[in-house]
Amino acid sequence: MNMIRANAEIEKIKPTEKIQKFNLEKGLYLKVTPRGTKVFRIQLSRSNIKPFKVLITLGRYLYINIKETRSVSESYQSKKRAQKHQLAA
């Protein structure tokens, strides 16, 4: 996955024949479909008791930008850390 840092970089991305994923930070990425749709997604996982992965779609690019996406991602990550600490207690 390629690393994206700014909205201007997202605007330059052109669709290809295959789905592309561009990493923003741990668990947060931009998915670009062959039709050109750009969607922000978070992948959360849990490895204790029952391992699983959850994909959360935050929204399409232009309706939500990188700054807002990172804020929402941090919120999900902090909730995940809080739940982990509650389980450990």
PDB file of N, CA and C in Angstrom:
ATOM      1  N   MET A   1       0.830  -1.181   0.000  1.00  0.00           N
ATOM      2  CA  MET A   1       0.000   0.000   0.000  1.00  0.00           C
ATOM      3  C   MET A   1       0.876   1.247   0.000  1.00  0.00           C
ATOM      4  N   ASN A   2       0.468   2.240  -0.735  1.00  0.00           N
ATOM      5  CA  ASN A   2       1.177   3.513  -0.761  1.00  0.00           C
ATOM      6  C   ASN A   2       0.665   4.417   0.355  1.00  0.00           C
ATOM      7  N   MET A   3       1.529   5.308   0.854  1.00  0.00           N
ATOM      8  CA  MET A   3       1.155   6.213   1.945  1.00  0.00           C
ATOM      9  C   MET A   3       0.642   7.540   1.394  1.00  0.00           C
ATOM     10  N   ILE A   4      -0.499   7.993   1.886  1.00  0.00           N
ATOM     11  CA  ILE A   4      -1.110   9.261   1.480  1.00  0.00           C
ATOM     12  C   ILE A   4      -1.040  10.222   2.659  1.00  0.00           C
ATOM     13  N   ARG A   5      -0.681  11.484   2.398  1.00  0.00           N
ATOM     14  CA  ARG A   5      -0.567  12.456   3.478  1.00  0.00           C
ATOM     15  C   ARG A   5      -1.451  13.693   3.311  1.00  0.00           C
ATOM     16  N   ALA A   6      -1.932  13.986   2.115  1.00  0.00           N
ATOM     17  CA  ALA A   6      -2.687  15.221   1.898  1.00  0.00           C
ATOM     18  C   ALA A   6      -3.821  15.015   0.894  1.00  0.00           C
ATOM     19  N   ASN A   7      -4.833  15.872   0.993  1.00  0.00           N
ATOM     20  CA  ASN A   7      -5.970  15.807   0.063  1.00  0.00           C
ATOM     21  C   ASN A   7      -5.520  15.998  -1.385  1.00  0.00           C
ATOM     22  N   ALA A   8      -4.498  16.837  -1.607  1.00  0.00           N
ATOM     23  CA  ALA A   8      -4.007  17.085  -2.968  1.00  0.00           C
ATOM     24  C   ALA A   8      -3.486  15.793  -3.602  1.00  0.00           C
ATOM     25  N   GLU A   9      -2.886  14.930  -2.794  1.00  0.00           N
ATOM     26  CA  GLU A   9      -2.390  13.645  -3.309  1.00  0.00           C
ATOM     27  C   GLU A   9      -3.559  12.757  -3.739  1.00  0.00           C
ATOM     28  N   ILE A  10      -4.651  12.811  -3.009  1.00  0.00           N
ATOM     29  CA  ILE A  10      -5.826  11.994  -3.340  1.00  0.00           C
ATOM     30  C   ILE A  10      -6.417  12.433  -4.670  1.00  0.00           C
ATOM     31  N   GLU A  11      -6.469  13.722  -4.892  1.00  0.00           N
ATOM     32  CA  GLU A  11      -7.036  14.245  -6.136  1.00  0.00           C
ATOM     33  C   GLU A  11      -6.258  13.778  -7.367  1.00  0.00           C
ATOM     34  N   LYS A  12      -4.965  13.520  -7.215  1.00  0.00           N
ATOM     35  CA  LYS A  12      -4.115  13.094  -8.333  1.00  0.00           C
ATOM     36  C   LYS A  12      -4.255  11.608  -8.663  1.00  0.00           C
ATOM     37  N   ILE A  13      -4.856  10.836  -7.775  1.00  0.00           N
ATOM     38  CA  ILE A  13      -4.969   9.384  -7.980  1.00  0.00           C
ATOM     39  C   ILE A  13      -5.965   9.089  -9.095  1.00  0.00           C
ATOM     40  N   LYS A  14      -5.533   8.309 -10.054  1.00  0.00           N
ATOM     41  CA  LYS A  14      -6.374   7.891 -11.180  1.00  0.00           C
ATOM     42  C   LYS A  14      -6.778   6.430 -10.989  1.00  0.00           C
ATOM     43  N   PRO A  15      -7.994   6.068 -11.370  1.00  0.00           N
ATOM     44  CA  PRO A  15      -8.421   4.671 -11.247  1.00  0.00           C
ATOM     45  C   PRO A  15      -7.656   3.762 -12.204  1.00  0.00           C
ATOM     46  N   THR A  16      -7.514   2.519 -11.800  1.00  0.00           N
ATOM     47  CA  THR A  16      -6.892   1.492 -12.643  1.00  0.00           C
ATOM     48  C   THR A  16      -7.881   0.338 -12.797  1.00  0.00           C
ATOM     49  N   GLU A  17      -7.475  -0.715 -13.457  1.00  0.00           N
ATOM     50  CA  GLU A  17      -8.360  -1.865 -13.666  1.00  0.00           C
ATOM     51  C   GLU A  17      -8.658  -2.616 -12.372  1.00  0.00           C
ATOM     52  N   LYS A  18      -7.757  -2.493 -11.394  1.00  0.00           N
ATOM     53  CA  LYS A  18      -7.924  -3.203 -10.124  1.00  0.00           C
ATOM     54  C   LYS A  18      -8.171  -2.208  -8.996  1.00  0.00           C
ATOM     55  N   ILE A  19      -8.758  -2.707  -7.913  1.00  0.00           N
ATOM     56  CA  ILE A  19      -8.955  -1.885  -6.715  1.00  0.00           C
ATOM     57  C   ILE A  19      -7.594  -1.538  -6.126  1.00  0.00           C
ATOM     58  N   GLN A  20      -7.427  -0.275  -5.751  1.00  0.00           N
ATOM     59  CA  GLN A  20      -6.183   0.192  -5.135  1.00  0.00           C
ATOM     60  C   GLN A  20      -6.448   0.566  -3.684  1.00  0.00           C
ATOM     61  N   LYS A  21      -5.447   0.357  -2.820  1.00  0.00           N
ATOM     62  CA  LYS A  21      -5.546   0.764  -1.420  1.00  0.00           C
ATOM     63  C   LYS A  21      -4.337   1.625  -1.088  1.00  0.00           C
ATOM     64  N   PHE A  22      -4.605   2.767  -0.459  1.00  0.00           N
ATOM     65  CA  PHE A  22      -3.558   3.698  -0.072  1.00  0.00           C
ATOM     66  C   PHE A  22      -3.632   3.909   1.430  1.00  0.00           C
ATOM     67  N   ASN A  23      -2.553   3.610   2.111  1.00  0.00           N
ATOM     68  CA  ASN A  23      -2.493   3.689   3.562  1.00  0.00           C
ATOM     69  C   ASN A  23      -2.418   5.130   4.044  1.00  0.00           C
ATOM     70  N   LEU A  24      -3.199   5.457   5.067  1.00  0.00           N
ATOM     71  CA  LEU A  24      -3.145   6.776   5.701  1.00  0.00           C
ATOM     72  C   LEU A  24      -2.441   6.688   7.045  1.00  0.00           C
ATOM     73  N   GLU A  25      -2.733   5.663   7.787  1.00  0.00           N
ATOM     74  CA  GLU A  25      -2.088   5.353   9.059  1.00  0.00           C
ATOM     75  C   GLU A  25      -2.546   3.960   9.453  1.00  0.00           C
ATOM     76  N   LYS A  26      -2.113   3.475  10.614  1.00  0.00           N
ATOM     77  CA  LYS A  26      -2.434   2.111  11.014  1.00  0.00           C
ATOM     78  C   LYS A  26      -3.942   1.861  11.008  1.00  0.00           C
ATOM     79  N   GLY A  27      -4.370   0.937  10.166  1.00  0.00           N
ATOM     80  CA  GLY A  27      -5.771   0.548  10.104  1.00  0.00           C
ATOM     81  C   GLY A  27      -6.665   1.449   9.273  1.00  0.00           C
ATOM     82  N   LEU A  28      -6.155   2.577   8.813  1.00  0.00           N
ATOM     83  CA  LEU A  28      -6.951   3.539   8.049  1.00  0.00           C
ATOM     84  C   LEU A  28      -6.398   3.626   6.630  1.00  0.00           C
ATOM     85  N   TYR A  29      -7.288   3.471   5.641  1.00  0.00           N
ATOM     86  CA  TYR A  29      -6.825   3.537   4.258  1.00  0.00           C
ATOM     87  C   TYR A  29      -7.882   4.112   3.321  1.00  0.00           C
ATOM     88  N   LEU A  30      -7.424   4.485   2.140  1.00  0.00           N
ATOM     89  CA  LEU A  30      -8.288   4.978   1.074  1.00  0.00           C
ATOM     90  C   LEU A  30      -8.395   3.877   0.028  1.00  0.00           C
ATOM     91  N   LYS A  31      -9.608   3.508  -0.327  1.00  0.00           N
ATOM     92  CA  LYS A  31      -9.847   2.489  -1.353  1.00  0.00           C
ATOM     93  C   LYS A  31     -10.307   3.206  -2.618  1.00  0.00           C
ATOM     94  N   VAL A  32      -9.659   2.897  -3.748  1.00  0.00           N
ATOM     95  CA  VAL A  32     -10.027   3.490  -5.041  1.00  0.00           C
ATOM     96  C   VAL A  32     -10.476   2.364  -5.960  1.00  0.00           C
ATOM     97  N   THR A  33     -11.726   2.454  -6.430  1.00  0.00           N
ATOM     98  CA  THR A  33     -12.286   1.410  -7.283  1.00  0.00           C
ATOM     99  C   THR A  33     -11.952   1.685  -8.752  1.00  0.00           C
ATOM    100  N   PRO A  34     -12.115   0.690  -9.617  1.00  0.00           N
ATOM    101  CA  PRO A  34     -11.862   0.895 -11.050  1.00  0.00           C
ATOM    102  C   PRO A  34     -12.739   1.994 -11.674  1.00  0.00           C
ATOM    103  N   ARG A  35     -13.881   2.281 -11.093  1.00  0.00           N
ATOM    104  CA  ARG A  35     -14.742   3.352 -11.604  1.00  0.00           C
ATOM    105  C   ARG A  35     -14.350   4.733 -11.081  1.00  0.00           C
ATOM    106  N   GLY A  36     -13.378   4.763 -10.148  1.00  0.00           N
ATOM    107  CA  GLY A  36     -12.885   6.044  -9.641  1.00  0.00           C
ATOM    108  C   GLY A  36     -13.458   6.478  -8.309  1.00  0.00           C
ATOM    109  N   THR A  37     -14.283   5.643  -7.695  1.00  0.00           N
ATOM    110  CA  THR A  37     -14.830   5.976  -6.386  1.00  0.00           C
ATOM    111  C   THR A  37     -13.720   5.886  -5.343  1.00  0.00           C
ATOM    112  N   LYS A  38     -13.605   6.907  -4.509  1.00  0.00           N
ATOM    113  CA  LYS A  38     -12.576   6.962  -3.469  1.00  0.00           C
ATOM    114  C   LYS A  38     -13.267   6.956  -2.113  1.00  0.00           C
ATOM    115  N   VAL A  39     -13.001   5.909  -1.320  1.00  0.00           N
ATOM    116  CA  VAL A  39     -13.689   5.702  -0.055  1.00  0.00           C
ATOM    117  C   VAL A  39     -12.676   5.497   1.063  1.00  0.00           C
ATOM    118  N   PHE A  40     -12.899   6.179   2.202  1.00  0.00           N
ATOM    119  CA  PHE A  40     -12.062   5.975   3.381  1.00  0.00           C
ATOM    120  C   PHE A  40     -12.617   4.822   4.192  1.00  0.00           C
ATOM    121  N   ARG A  41     -11.717   3.924   4.658  1.00  0.00           N
ATOM    122  CA  ARG A  41     -12.135   2.768   5.454  1.00  0.00           C
ATOM    123  C   ARG A  41     -11.182   2.563   6.628  1.00  0.00           C
ATOM    124  N   ILE A  42     -11.720   1.999   7.699  1.00  0.00           N
ATOM    125  CA  ILE A  42     -10.922   1.612   8.867  1.00  0.00           C
ATOM    126  C   ILE A  42     -11.038   0.103   9.005  1.00  0.00           C
ATOM    127  N   GLN A  43      -9.928  -0.537   9.292  1.00  0.00           N
ATOM    128  CA  GLN A  43      -9.948  -1.973   9.586  1.00  0.00           C
ATOM    129  C   GLN A  43      -9.530  -2.145  11.042  1.00  0.00           C
ATOM    130  N   LEU A  44     -10.436  -2.664  11.847  1.00  0.00           N
ATOM    131  CA  LEU A  44     -10.158  -2.940  13.247  1.00  0.00           C
ATOM    132  C   LEU A  44     -10.065  -4.447  13.418  1.00  0.00           C
ATOM    133  N   SER A  45      -9.204  -4.881  14.311  1.00  0.00           N
ATOM    134  CA  SER A  45      -9.099  -6.313  14.555  1.00  0.00           C
ATOM    135  C   SER A  45      -8.917  -6.571  16.041  1.00  0.00           C
ATOM    136  N   ARG A  46      -9.270  -7.769  16.435  1.00  0.00           N
ATOM    137  CA  ARG A  46      -9.100  -8.195  17.820  1.00  0.00           C
ATOM    138  C   ARG A  46      -8.469  -9.574  17.786  1.00  0.00           C
ATOM    139  N   SER A  47      -7.441  -9.764  18.572  1.00  0.00           N
ATOM    140  CA  SER A  47      -6.735 -11.045  18.508  1.00  0.00           C
ATOM    141  C   SER A  47      -6.889 -11.876  19.775  1.00  0.00           C
ATOM    142  N   ASN A  48      -7.575 -11.357  20.794  1.00  0.00           N
ATOM    143  CA  ASN A  48      -7.765 -12.171  21.994  1.00  0.00           C
ATOM    144  C   ASN A  48      -8.940 -13.124  21.803  1.00  0.00           C
ATOM    145  N   ILE A  49      -9.517 -13.638  22.810  1.00  0.00           N
ATOM    146  CA  ILE A  49     -10.569 -14.646  22.851  1.00  0.00           C
ATOM    147  C   ILE A  49     -11.022 -15.176  21.481  1.00  0.00           C
ATOM    148  N   LYS A  50     -11.770 -14.398  20.712  1.00  0.00           N
ATOM    149  CA  LYS A  50     -12.208 -14.796  19.370  1.00  0.00           C
ATOM    150  C   LYS A  50     -11.666 -13.778  18.377  1.00  0.00           C
ATOM    151  N   PRO A  51     -10.669 -14.155  17.583  1.00  0.00           N
ATOM    152  CA  PRO A  51     -10.109 -13.198  16.620  1.00  0.00           C
ATOM    153  C   PRO A  51     -11.128 -12.830  15.534  1.00  0.00           C
ATOM    154  N   PHE A  52     -11.166 -11.553  15.181  1.00  0.00           N
ATOM    155  CA  PHE A  52     -12.017 -11.113  14.085  1.00  0.00           C
ATOM    156  C   PHE A  52     -11.526  -9.777  13.549  1.00  0.00           C
ATOM    157  N   LYS A  53     -11.982  -9.431  12.351  1.00  0.00           N
ATOM    158  CA  LYS A  53     -11.671  -8.151  11.729  1.00  0.00           C
ATOM    159  C   LYS A  53     -12.976  -7.473  11.342  1.00  0.00           C
ATOM    160  N   VAL A  54     -13.000  -6.162  11.508  1.00  0.00           N
ATOM    161  CA  VAL A  54     -14.173  -5.373  11.160  1.00  0.00           C
ATOM    162  C   VAL A  54     -13.738  -4.272  10.207  1.00  0.00           C
ATOM    163  N   LEU A  55     -14.444  -4.123   9.093  1.00  0.00           N
ATOM    164  CA  LEU A  55     -14.199  -3.023   8.165  1.00  0.00           C
ATOM    165  C   LEU A  55     -15.310  -1.998   8.319  1.00  0.00           C
ATOM    166  N   ILE A  56     -14.908  -0.750   8.542  1.00  0.00           N
ATOM    167  CA  ILE A  56     -15.873   0.333   8.697  1.00  0.00           C
ATOM    168  C   ILE A  56     -15.624   1.350   7.586  1.00  0.00           C
ATOM    169  N   THR A  57     -16.643   1.625   6.804  1.00  0.00           N
ATOM    170  CA  THR A  57     -16.541   2.640   5.755  1.00  0.00           C
ATOM    171  C   THR A  57     -16.928   3.981   6.355  1.00  0.00           C
ATOM    172  N   LEU A  58     -16.003   4.943   6.292  1.00  0.00           N
ATOM    173  CA  LEU A  58     -16.255   6.266   6.865  1.00  0.00           C
ATOM    174  C   LEU A  58     -16.976   7.183   5.899  1.00  0.00           C
ATOM    175  N   GLY A  59     -16.715   7.034   4.624  1.00  0.00           N
ATOM    176  CA  GLY A  59     -17.384   7.863   3.631  1.00  0.00           C
ATOM    177  C   GLY A  59     -16.527   8.101   2.405  1.00  0.00           C
ATOM    178  N   ARG A  60     -17.134   8.706   1.409  1.00  0.00           N
ATOM    179  CA  ARG A  60     -16.445   9.008   0.152  1.00  0.00           C
ATOM    180  C   ARG A  60     -15.589  10.256   0.299  1.00  0.00           C
ATOM    181  N   TYR A  61     -14.486  10.246  -0.442  1.00  0.00           N
ATOM    182  CA  TYR A  61     -13.648  11.424  -0.509  1.00  0.00           C
ATOM    183  C   TYR A  61     -14.465  12.562  -1.120  1.00  0.00           C
ATOM    184  N   LEU A  62     -14.274  13.733  -0.660  1.00  0.00           N
ATOM    185  CA  LEU A  62     -14.964  14.988  -0.950  1.00  0.00           C
ATOM    186  C   LEU A  62     -16.130  15.203   0.015  1.00  0.00           C
ATOM    187  N   TYR A  63     -16.758  14.121   0.504  1.00  0.00           N
ATOM    188  CA  TYR A  63     -17.767  14.272   1.551  1.00  0.00           C
ATOM    189  C   TYR A  63     -17.095  14.287   2.922  1.00  0.00           C
ATOM    190  N   ILE A  64     -15.934  13.657   2.998  1.00  0.00           N
ATOM    191  CA  ILE A  64     -15.123  13.638   4.206  1.00  0.00           C
ATOM    192  C   ILE A  64     -13.660  13.750   3.755  1.00  0.00           C
ATOM    193  N   ASN A  65     -12.866  14.547   4.454  1.00  0.00           N
ATOM    194  CA  ASN A  65     -11.467  14.725   4.047  1.00  0.00           C
ATOM    195  C   ASN A  65     -10.514  13.985   4.986  1.00  0.00           C
ATOM    196  N   ILE A  66      -9.232  14.067   4.717  1.00  0.00           N
ATOM    197  CA  ILE A  66      -8.241  13.328   5.504  1.00  0.00           C
ATOM    198  C   ILE A  66      -8.269  13.734   6.977  1.00  0.00           C
ATOM    199  N   LYS A  67      -8.355  15.028   7.243  1.00  0.00           N
ATOM    200  CA  LYS A  67      -8.344  15.500   8.634  1.00  0.00           C
ATOM    201  C   LYS A  67      -9.513  14.909   9.424  1.00  0.00           C
ATOM    202  N   GLU A  68     -10.706  14.947   8.853  1.00  0.00           N
ATOM    203  CA  GLU A  68     -11.880  14.384   9.520  1.00  0.00           C
ATOM    204  C   GLU A  68     -11.750  12.866   9.672  1.00  0.00           C
ATOM    205  N   THR A  69     -11.215  12.233   8.655  1.00  0.00           N
ATOM    206  CA  THR A  69     -11.036  10.783   8.677  1.00  0.00           C
ATOM    207  C   THR A  69     -10.089  10.370   9.795  1.00  0.00           C
ATOM    208  N   ARG A  70      -8.974  11.082   9.919  1.00  0.00           N
ATOM    209  CA  ARG A  70      -8.016  10.761  10.982  1.00  0.00           C
ATOM    210  C   ARG A  70      -8.626  10.970  12.363  1.00  0.00           C
ATOM    211  N   SER A  71      -9.452  11.980  12.503  1.00  0.00           N
ATOM    212  CA  SER A  71     -10.121  12.247  13.778  1.00  0.00           C
ATOM    213  C   SER A  71     -11.059  11.091  14.142  1.00  0.00           C
ATOM    214  N   VAL A  72     -11.848  10.644  13.191  1.00  0.00           N
ATOM    215  CA  VAL A  72     -12.771   9.527  13.432  1.00  0.00           C
ATOM    216  C   VAL A  72     -11.991   8.251  13.722  1.00  0.00           C
ATOM    217  N   SER A  73     -10.914   8.020  12.987  1.00  0.00           N
ATOM    218  CA  SER A  73     -10.080   6.847  13.188  1.00  0.00           C
ATOM    219  C   SER A  73      -9.495   6.835  14.596  1.00  0.00           C
ATOM    220  N   GLU A  74      -9.004   7.974  15.049  1.00  0.00           N
ATOM    221  CA  GLU A  74      -8.439   8.067  16.398  1.00  0.00           C
ATOM    222  C   GLU A  74      -9.505   7.776  17.446  1.00  0.00           C
ATOM    223  N   SER A  75     -10.718   8.225  17.200  1.00  0.00           N
ATOM    224  CA  SER A  75     -11.828   7.960  18.112  1.00  0.00           C
ATOM    225  C   SER A  75     -12.091   6.453  18.224  1.00  0.00           C
ATOM    226  N   TYR A  76     -12.149   5.769  17.078  1.00  0.00           N
ATOM    227  CA  TYR A  76     -12.342   4.312  17.091  1.00  0.00           C
ATOM    228  C   TYR A  76     -11.180   3.607  17.783  1.00  0.00           C
ATOM    229  N   GLN A  77      -9.953   4.052  17.500  1.00  0.00           N
ATOM    230  CA  GLN A  77      -8.778   3.414  18.102  1.00  0.00           C
ATOM    231  C   GLN A  77      -8.772   3.601  19.621  1.00  0.00           C
ATOM    232  N   SER A  78      -9.151   4.794  20.101  1.00  0.00           N
ATOM    233  CA  SER A  78      -9.163   5.031  21.550  1.00  0.00           C
ATOM    234  C   SER A  78     -10.255   4.203  22.227  1.00  0.00           C
ATOM    235  N   LYS A  79     -11.411   4.040  21.569  1.00  0.00           N
ATOM    236  CA  LYS A  79     -12.468   3.173  22.112  1.00  0.00           C
ATOM    237  C   LYS A  79     -11.974   1.737  22.203  1.00  0.00           C
ATOM    238  N   LYS A  80     -11.245   1.316  21.173  1.00  0.00           N
ATOM    239  CA  LYS A  80     -10.718  -0.047  21.149  1.00  0.00           C
ATOM    240  C   LYS A  80      -9.727  -0.245  22.299  1.00  0.00           C
ATOM    241  N   ARG A  81      -8.850   0.747  22.528  1.00  0.00           N
ATOM    242  CA  ARG A  81      -7.886   0.649  23.635  1.00  0.00           C
ATOM    243  C   ARG A  81      -8.601   0.618  24.980  1.00  0.00           C
ATOM    244  N   ALA A  82      -9.649   1.426  25.146  1.00  0.00           N
ATOM    245  CA  ALA A  82     -10.405   1.459  26.398  1.00  0.00           C
ATOM    246  C   ALA A  82     -11.069   0.111  26.672  1.00  0.00           C
ATOM    247  N   GLN A  83     -11.632  -0.502  25.634  1.00  0.00           N
ATOM    248  CA  GLN A  83     -12.258  -1.819  25.799  1.00  0.00           C
ATOM    249  C   GLN A  83     -11.214  -2.856  26.157  1.00  0.00           C
ATOM    250  N   LYS A  84     -10.040  -2.751  25.576  1.00  0.00           N
ATOM    251  CA  LYS A  84      -8.964  -3.705  25.866  1.00  0.00           C
ATOM    252  C   LYS A  84      -8.556  -3.600  27.337  1.00  0.00           C
ATOM    253  N   HIS A  85      -8.477  -2.382  27.855  1.00  0.00           N
ATOM    254  CA  HIS A  85      -8.108  -2.181  29.258  1.00  0.00           C
ATOM    255  C   HIS A  85      -9.201  -2.683  30.190  1.00  0.00           C
ATOM    256  N   GLN A  86     -10.466  -2.539  29.807  1.00  0.00           N
ATOM    257  CA  GLN A  86     -11.571  -3.039  30.626  1.00  0.00           C
ATOM    258  C   GLN A  86     -11.558  -4.560  30.707  1.00  0.00           C
ATOM    259  N   LEU A  87     -11.230  -5.216  29.577  1.00  0.00           N
ATOM    260  CA  LEU A  87     -11.158  -6.667  29.561  1.00  0.00           C
ATOM    261  C   LEU A  87     -10.002  -7.177  30.407  1.00  0.00           C
ATOM    262  N   ALA A  88      -8.909  -6.418  30.445  1.00  0.00           N
ATOM    263  CA  ALA A  88      -7.723  -6.829  31.188  1.00  0.00           C
ATOM    264  C   ALA A  88      -7.939  -6.658  32.689  1.00  0.00           C
ATOM    265  N   ALA A  89      -8.820  -5.765  33.087  1.00  0.00           N
ATOM    266  CA  ALA A  89      -9.035  -5.483  34.524  1.00  0.00           C
ATOM    267  C   ALA A  89      -9.881  -6.532  35.190  1.00  0.00           C
TER     268      ALA A  89
END
